[in-house]
Amino acid sequence: MKRVGVLGGSFDPIHFGHLLMAQSAVEALKLDAVFFVPAFCSPFKAHHPLPDASRRLVMVKEAIKGNKAFKLYDGELRRGKISYTIDTLKELKALYPRSQFYLLMGADNLRTFHRWKDPEGILKLAKLVILNRPGFDKEYPKRWPYRKINMPAVDISSSDLRQRLKTKRSLWYLTPKAVIRYIKRYRLYDQRQERTA
């Protein structure tokens, strides 16, 4: 694999917005693969408990089935502590030393990139790729070098999906059927309080 995208997140739960980001990057950058990287614990959400890591892992696996370019990397879950992108990129670079990595993120995350652990180190290991997200198109800071990619404008968030589940509304057309079935089977969000994503 010469050109590899890296898409991290809580995936709590994964939805079509995540999948569209990855596919848009594959097409625009001619990527050989995109690694979906579920976080064990986001440093910005350390006070929010996430569903069991194995549950979120299965949801990502179910969501990316059928797309040969989509891969799962469980390094952050295996580390079992607060997840830092710099550590993940170092691991991936050691595993795939000849690959060029592209860190994929929504425009909303670029505003807080200066608070990430070692942003300069991240930029030495991967090229930064920003995908538009409704409401953030005109707020791109110029502090960091990045490439912007347009994707279909879908306003879907994991927090909205959790809220819909809490209020007994449907997730149809927001996330793959396999993810919906898994959530219902294990009642993953029945007793959880809504959080911001």
C-alpha atoms as a PDB file:
ATOM      1  CA  MET A   1       0.000   0.000   0.000  1.00  0.00           C
ATOM      2  CA  LYS A   2       1.576   3.228  -1.138  1.00  0.00           C
ATOM      3  CA  ARG A   3      -1.094   5.771  -0.226  1.00  0.00           C
ATOM      4  CA  VAL A   4      -3.021   5.178   2.985  1.00  0.00           C
ATOM      5  CA  GLY A   5      -5.691   7.256   4.695  1.00  0.00           C
ATOM      6  CA  VAL A   6      -6.137   7.185   8.464  1.00  0.00           C
ATOM      7  CA  LEU A   7      -9.553   7.975   9.926  1.00  0.00           C
ATOM      8  CA  GLY A   8      -9.781   7.890  13.700  1.00  0.00           C
ATOM      9  CA  GLY A   9     -12.663   8.478  16.069  1.00  0.00           C
ATOM     10  CA  SER A  10     -14.834   7.089  18.794  1.00  0.00           C
ATOM     11  CA  PHE A  11     -17.251   5.658  16.208  1.00  0.00           C
ATOM     12  CA  ASP A  12     -19.939   5.776  18.887  1.00  0.00           C
ATOM     13  CA  PRO A  13     -21.620   4.634  16.662  1.00  0.00           C
ATOM     14  CA  ILE A  14     -20.106   4.692  13.179  1.00  0.00           C
ATOM     15  CA  HIS A  15     -22.380   6.198  10.525  1.00  0.00           C
ATOM     16  CA  PHE A  16     -22.622   7.042   6.829  1.00  0.00           C
ATOM     17  CA  GLY A  17     -20.843  10.365   7.367  1.00  0.00           C
ATOM     18  CA  HIS A  18     -17.696   8.477   8.382  1.00  0.00           C
ATOM     19  CA  LEU A  19     -17.992   6.148   5.414  1.00  0.00           C
ATOM     20  CA  LEU A  20     -18.543   9.012   2.974  1.00  0.00           C
ATOM     21  CA  MET A  21     -15.456  10.778   4.327  1.00  0.00           C
ATOM     22  CA  ALA A  22     -13.343   7.712   3.712  1.00  0.00           C
ATOM     23  CA  GLN A  23     -14.739   7.018   0.238  1.00  0.00           C
ATOM     24  CA  SER A  24     -14.389  10.657  -0.800  1.00  0.00           C
ATOM     25  CA  ALA A  25     -10.738  10.561   0.249  1.00  0.00           C
ATOM     26  CA  VAL A  26     -10.127   7.285  -1.608  1.00  0.00           C
ATOM     27  CA  GLU A  27     -11.441   8.818  -4.806  1.00  0.00           C
ATOM     28  CA  ALA A  28      -9.865  12.281  -4.500  1.00  0.00           C
ATOM     29  CA  LEU A  29      -6.431  11.115  -3.343  1.00  0.00           C
ATOM     30  CA  LYS A  30      -6.354   7.774  -5.163  1.00  0.00           C
ATOM     31  CA  LEU A  31      -5.726   5.973  -1.886  1.00  0.00           C
ATOM     32  CA  ASP A  32      -4.942   2.278  -1.776  1.00  0.00           C
ATOM     33  CA  ALA A  33      -6.609   1.952   1.626  1.00  0.00           C
ATOM     34  CA  VAL A  34      -8.192   3.798   4.519  1.00  0.00           C
ATOM     35  CA  PHE A  35      -7.599   2.564   8.052  1.00  0.00           C
ATOM     36  CA  PHE A  36     -10.530   3.106  10.410  1.00  0.00           C
ATOM     37  CA  VAL A  37      -9.018   3.542  13.881  1.00  0.00           C
ATOM     38  CA  PRO A  38     -11.470   3.304  16.807  1.00  0.00           C
ATOM     39  CA  ALA A  39     -10.196   5.198  19.844  1.00  0.00           C
ATOM     40  CA  PHE A  40     -10.009   3.454  23.177  1.00  0.00           C
ATOM     41  CA  CYS A  41     -10.462   6.785  24.946  1.00  0.00           C
ATOM     42  CA  SER A  42     -10.292  10.223  23.330  1.00  0.00           C
ATOM     43  CA  PRO A  43      -8.171  12.710  25.293  1.00  0.00           C
ATOM     44  CA  PHE A  44     -10.933  15.265  24.749  1.00  0.00           C
ATOM     45  CA  LYS A  45     -13.650  12.927  26.059  1.00  0.00           C
ATOM     46  CA  ALA A  46     -11.753  11.172  28.855  1.00  0.00           C
ATOM     47  CA  HIS A  47     -14.578  11.913  31.334  1.00  0.00           C
ATOM     48  CA  HIS A  48     -17.165  10.259  29.044  1.00  0.00           C
ATOM     49  CA  PRO A  49     -17.344   6.465  29.206  1.00  0.00           C
ATOM     50  CA  LEU A  50     -17.535   4.770  25.820  1.00  0.00           C
ATOM     51  CA  PRO A  51     -19.298   1.501  25.055  1.00  0.00           C
ATOM     52  CA  ASP A  52     -17.136  -1.570  25.427  1.00  0.00           C
ATOM     53  CA  ALA A  53     -14.282  -1.391  22.918  1.00  0.00           C
ATOM     54  CA  SER A  54     -15.136  -4.774  21.450  1.00  0.00           C
ATOM     55  CA  ARG A  55     -18.671  -3.563  20.675  1.00  0.00           C
ATOM     56  CA  ARG A  56     -17.471  -0.479  18.789  1.00  0.00           C
ATOM     57  CA  LEU A  57     -14.898  -2.622  16.999  1.00  0.00           C
ATOM     58  CA  VAL A  58     -17.618  -4.954  15.728  1.00  0.00           C
ATOM     59  CA  MET A  59     -19.752  -2.027  14.567  1.00  0.00           C
ATOM     60  CA  VAL A  60     -16.847  -0.663  12.508  1.00  0.00           C
ATOM     61  CA  LYS A  61     -16.172  -4.115  11.057  1.00  0.00           C
ATOM     62  CA  GLU A  62     -19.815  -4.458  10.061  1.00  0.00           C
ATOM     63  CA  ALA A  63     -19.940  -0.982   8.546  1.00  0.00           C
ATOM     64  CA  ILE A  64     -16.861  -1.347   6.316  1.00  0.00           C
ATOM     65  CA  LYS A  65     -17.629  -4.836   4.982  1.00  0.00           C
ATOM     66  CA  GLY A  66     -17.679  -5.034   1.227  1.00  0.00           C
ATOM     67  CA  ASN A  67     -15.325  -2.136   0.513  1.00  0.00           C
ATOM     68  CA  LYS A  68     -11.887  -3.534  -0.321  1.00  0.00           C
ATOM     69  CA  ALA A  69     -10.194  -0.201   0.378  1.00  0.00           C
ATOM     70  CA  PHE A  70     -11.549   0.020   3.931  1.00  0.00           C
ATOM     71  CA  LYS A  71      -9.419  -1.606   6.640  1.00  0.00           C
ATOM     72  CA  LEU A  72      -9.650  -1.780  10.422  1.00  0.00           C
ATOM     73  CA  TYR A  73      -6.720  -0.900  12.678  1.00  0.00           C
ATOM     74  CA  ASP A  74      -7.286  -1.751  16.336  1.00  0.00           C
ATOM     75  CA  GLY A  75      -3.970  -0.476  17.715  1.00  0.00           C
ATOM     76  CA  GLU A  76      -5.560   2.155  19.955  1.00  0.00           C
ATOM     77  CA  LEU A  77      -7.975  -0.386  21.430  1.00  0.00           C
ATOM     78  CA  ARG A  78      -5.128  -2.816  22.084  1.00  0.00           C
ATOM     79  CA  ARG A  79      -3.128  -0.126  23.886  1.00  0.00           C
ATOM     80  CA  GLY A  80      -6.060   0.235  26.275  1.00  0.00           C
ATOM     81  CA  LYS A  81      -5.406   3.814  27.360  1.00  0.00           C
ATOM     82  CA  ILE A  82      -5.955   7.378  26.165  1.00  0.00           C
ATOM     83  CA  SER A  83      -5.545   7.383  22.392  1.00  0.00           C
ATOM     84  CA  TYR A  84      -3.126   9.784  20.733  1.00  0.00           C
ATOM     85  CA  THR A  85      -2.896  10.082  16.958  1.00  0.00           C
ATOM     86  CA  ILE A  86       0.864  10.609  17.067  1.00  0.00           C
ATOM     87  CA  ASP A  87       1.331   7.181  18.692  1.00  0.00           C
ATOM     88  CA  THR A  88      -0.923   5.509  16.125  1.00  0.00           C
ATOM     89  CA  LEU A  89       0.907   7.091  13.204  1.00  0.00           C
ATOM     90  CA  LYS A  90       4.265   5.973  14.630  1.00  0.00           C
ATOM     91  CA  GLU A  91       2.949   2.412  14.873  1.00  0.00           C
ATOM     92  CA  LEU A  92       1.569   2.483  11.343  1.00  0.00           C
ATOM     93  CA  LYS A  93       4.794   3.948   9.958  1.00  0.00           C
ATOM     94  CA  ALA A  94       6.755   1.133  11.618  1.00  0.00           C
ATOM     95  CA  LEU A  95       4.391  -1.438  10.093  1.00  0.00           C
ATOM     96  CA  TYR A  96       4.267   0.194   6.649  1.00  0.00           C
ATOM     97  CA  PRO A  97       7.505   2.194   6.296  1.00  0.00           C
ATOM     98  CA  ARG A  98       7.075   2.759   2.552  1.00  0.00           C
ATOM     99  CA  SER A  99       3.528   4.103   2.785  1.00  0.00           C
ATOM    100  CA  GLN A 100       2.519   7.757   2.566  1.00  0.00           C
ATOM    101  CA  PHE A 101      -0.121   8.447   5.197  1.00  0.00           C
ATOM    102  CA  TYR A 102      -2.986  10.930   4.969  1.00  0.00           C
ATOM    103  CA  LEU A 103      -4.720  11.905   8.191  1.00  0.00           C
ATOM    104  CA  LEU A 104      -8.419  12.427   7.424  1.00  0.00           C
ATOM    105  CA  MET A 105     -10.520  14.709   9.589  1.00  0.00           C
ATOM    106  CA  GLY A 106     -13.672  16.765   9.445  1.00  0.00           C
ATOM    107  CA  ALA A 107     -13.363  20.535   9.297  1.00  0.00           C
ATOM    108  CA  ASP A 108     -14.701  20.851  12.855  1.00  0.00           C
ATOM    109  CA  ASN A 109     -11.638  19.015  14.225  1.00  0.00           C
ATOM    110  CA  LEU A 110      -9.147  21.331  12.543  1.00  0.00           C
ATOM    111  CA  ARG A 111     -10.082  24.112  14.954  1.00  0.00           C
ATOM    112  CA  THR A 112      -8.697  22.102  17.894  1.00  0.00           C
ATOM    113  CA  PHE A 113      -5.721  20.528  16.122  1.00  0.00           C
ATOM    114  CA  HIS A 114      -3.326  22.796  18.054  1.00  0.00           C
ATOM    115  CA  ARG A 115      -4.459  21.026  21.248  1.00  0.00           C
ATOM    116  CA  TRP A 116      -3.587  17.559  19.949  1.00  0.00           C
ATOM    117  CA  LYS A 117      -0.482  15.834  21.263  1.00  0.00           C
ATOM    118  CA  ASP A 118       2.520  16.838  19.103  1.00  0.00           C
ATOM    119  CA  PRO A 119       0.735  18.296  16.051  1.00  0.00           C
ATOM    120  CA  GLU A 120       4.094  19.077  14.412  1.00  0.00           C
ATOM    121  CA  GLY A 121       5.116  15.449  14.804  1.00  0.00           C
ATOM    122  CA  ILE A 122       1.829  14.339  13.278  1.00  0.00           C
ATOM    123  CA  LEU A 123       2.489  16.494  10.213  1.00  0.00           C
ATOM    124  CA  LYS A 124       5.899  14.871   9.770  1.00  0.00           C
ATOM    125  CA  LEU A 125       4.253  11.440   9.614  1.00  0.00           C
ATOM    126  CA  ALA A 126       1.115  12.226   7.617  1.00  0.00           C
ATOM    127  CA  LYS A 127      -0.358  14.796   5.280  1.00  0.00           C
ATOM    128  CA  LEU A 128      -3.395  16.526   6.753  1.00  0.00           C
ATOM    129  CA  VAL A 129      -6.619  16.192   4.755  1.00  0.00           C
ATOM    130  CA  ILE A 130      -9.725  18.177   5.708  1.00  0.00           C
ATOM    131  CA  LEU A 131     -13.192  17.162   4.566  1.00  0.00           C
ATOM    132  CA  ASN A 132     -16.007  19.675   4.644  1.00  0.00           C
ATOM    133  CA  ARG A 133     -18.672  19.374   7.301  1.00  0.00           C
ATOM    134  CA  PRO A 134     -21.922  21.382   7.336  1.00  0.00           C
ATOM    135  CA  GLY A 135     -21.548  24.551   9.413  1.00  0.00           C
ATOM    136  CA  PHE A 136     -17.744  24.620   9.340  1.00  0.00           C
ATOM    137  CA  ASP A 137     -16.905  25.330   5.704  1.00  0.00           C
ATOM    138  CA  LYS A 138     -15.730  28.916   6.297  1.00  0.00           C
ATOM    139  CA  GLU A 139     -13.861  28.319   9.565  1.00  0.00           C
ATOM    140  CA  TYR A 140     -10.692  26.603   8.372  1.00  0.00           C
ATOM    141  CA  PRO A 141      -7.666  27.932  10.270  1.00  0.00           C
ATOM    142  CA  LYS A 142      -4.625  28.589   8.084  1.00  0.00           C
ATOM    143  CA  ARG A 143      -2.101  27.658  10.772  1.00  0.00           C
ATOM    144  CA  TRP A 144      -1.520  24.129   9.451  1.00  0.00           C
ATOM    145  CA  PRO A 145      -0.797  22.899   5.929  1.00  0.00           C
ATOM    146  CA  TYR A 146      -3.664  20.785   4.681  1.00  0.00           C
ATOM    147  CA  ARG A 147      -5.516  19.685   1.593  1.00  0.00           C
ATOM    148  CA  LYS A 148      -9.254  20.255   1.465  1.00  0.00           C
ATOM    149  CA  ILE A 149     -11.565  17.665  -0.096  1.00  0.00           C
ATOM    150  CA  ASN A 150     -15.238  18.181  -0.753  1.00  0.00           C
ATOM    151  CA  MET A 151     -17.611  15.386   0.106  1.00  0.00           C
ATOM    152  CA  PRO A 152     -21.405  15.082  -0.072  1.00  0.00           C
ATOM    153  CA  ALA A 153     -22.842  17.486   2.502  1.00  0.00           C
ATOM    154  CA  VAL A 154     -24.465  15.157   5.007  1.00  0.00           C
ATOM    155  CA  ASP A 155     -25.178  16.462   8.488  1.00  0.00           C
ATOM    156  CA  ILE A 156     -24.919  13.248  10.496  1.00  0.00           C
ATOM    157  CA  SER A 157     -23.255  12.914  13.878  1.00  0.00           C
ATOM    158  CA  SER A 158     -22.853  10.099  16.364  1.00  0.00           C
ATOM    159  CA  SER A 159     -24.439  12.269  19.062  1.00  0.00           C
ATOM    160  CA  ASP A 160     -27.527  12.685  16.873  1.00  0.00           C
ATOM    161  CA  LEU A 161     -27.751   8.914  16.400  1.00  0.00           C
ATOM    162  CA  ARG A 162     -27.521   8.370  20.156  1.00  0.00           C
ATOM    163  CA  GLN A 163     -30.228  10.977  20.726  1.00  0.00           C
ATOM    164  CA  ARG A 164     -32.461   9.299  18.156  1.00  0.00           C
ATOM    165  CA  LEU A 165     -32.024   5.990  19.961  1.00  0.00           C
ATOM    166  CA  LYS A 166     -32.774   7.602  23.283  1.00  0.00           C
ATOM    167  CA  THR A 167     -36.039   9.012  21.927  1.00  0.00           C
ATOM    168  CA  LYS A 168     -36.952   5.794  20.086  1.00  0.00           C
ATOM    169  CA  ARG A 169     -36.504   7.207  16.578  1.00  0.00           C
ATOM    170  CA  SER A 170     -35.204   5.311  13.574  1.00  0.00           C
ATOM    171  CA  LEU A 171     -31.569   5.130  12.407  1.00  0.00           C
ATOM    172  CA  TRP A 172     -32.562   4.075   8.887  1.00  0.00           C
ATOM    173  CA  TYR A 173     -30.460   5.745   6.152  1.00  0.00           C
ATOM    174  CA  LEU A 174     -28.029   7.150   8.747  1.00  0.00           C
ATOM    175  CA  THR A 175     -25.879   4.083   9.359  1.00  0.00           C
ATOM    176  CA  PRO A 176     -25.600   0.634   7.709  1.00  0.00           C
ATOM    177  CA  LYS A 177     -28.294  -1.944   8.443  1.00  0.00           C
ATOM    178  CA  ALA A 178     -25.734  -4.264  10.024  1.00  0.00           C
ATOM    179  CA  VAL A 179     -24.848  -1.570  12.574  1.00  0.00           C
ATOM    180  CA  ILE A 180     -28.518  -0.950  13.367  1.00  0.00           C
ATOM    181  CA  ARG A 181     -29.068  -4.675  13.896  1.00  0.00           C
ATOM    182  CA  TYR A 182     -26.048  -4.909  16.195  1.00  0.00           C
ATOM    183  CA  ILE A 183     -27.138  -1.914  18.275  1.00  0.00           C
ATOM    184  CA  LYS A 184     -30.622  -3.347  18.679  1.00  0.00           C
ATOM    185  CA  ARG A 185     -29.386  -6.840  19.445  1.00  0.00           C
ATOM    186  CA  TYR A 186     -27.199  -5.679  22.338  1.00  0.00           C
ATOM    187  CA  ARG A 187     -29.265  -2.611  23.317  1.00  0.00           C
ATOM    188  CA  LEU A 188     -26.030  -0.631  23.356  1.00  0.00           C
ATOM    189  CA  TYR A 189     -27.445   2.819  24.015  1.00  0.00           C
ATOM    190  CA  ASP A 190     -30.604   2.125  25.973  1.00  0.00           C
ATOM    191  CA  GLN A 191     -29.400   3.332  29.364  1.00  0.00           C
ATOM    192  CA  ARG A 192     -26.771   5.871  28.365  1.00  0.00           C
ATOM    193  CA  GLN A 193     -27.056   9.618  28.806  1.00  0.00           C
ATOM    194  CA  GLU A 194     -26.658  11.841  25.757  1.00  0.00           C
ATOM    195  CA  ARG A 195     -23.246  13.405  25.232  1.00  0.00           C
ATOM    196  CA  THR A 196     -21.840  15.821  22.699  1.00  0.00           C
ATOM    197  CA  ALA A 197     -19.808  14.225  19.909  1.00  0.00           C
END
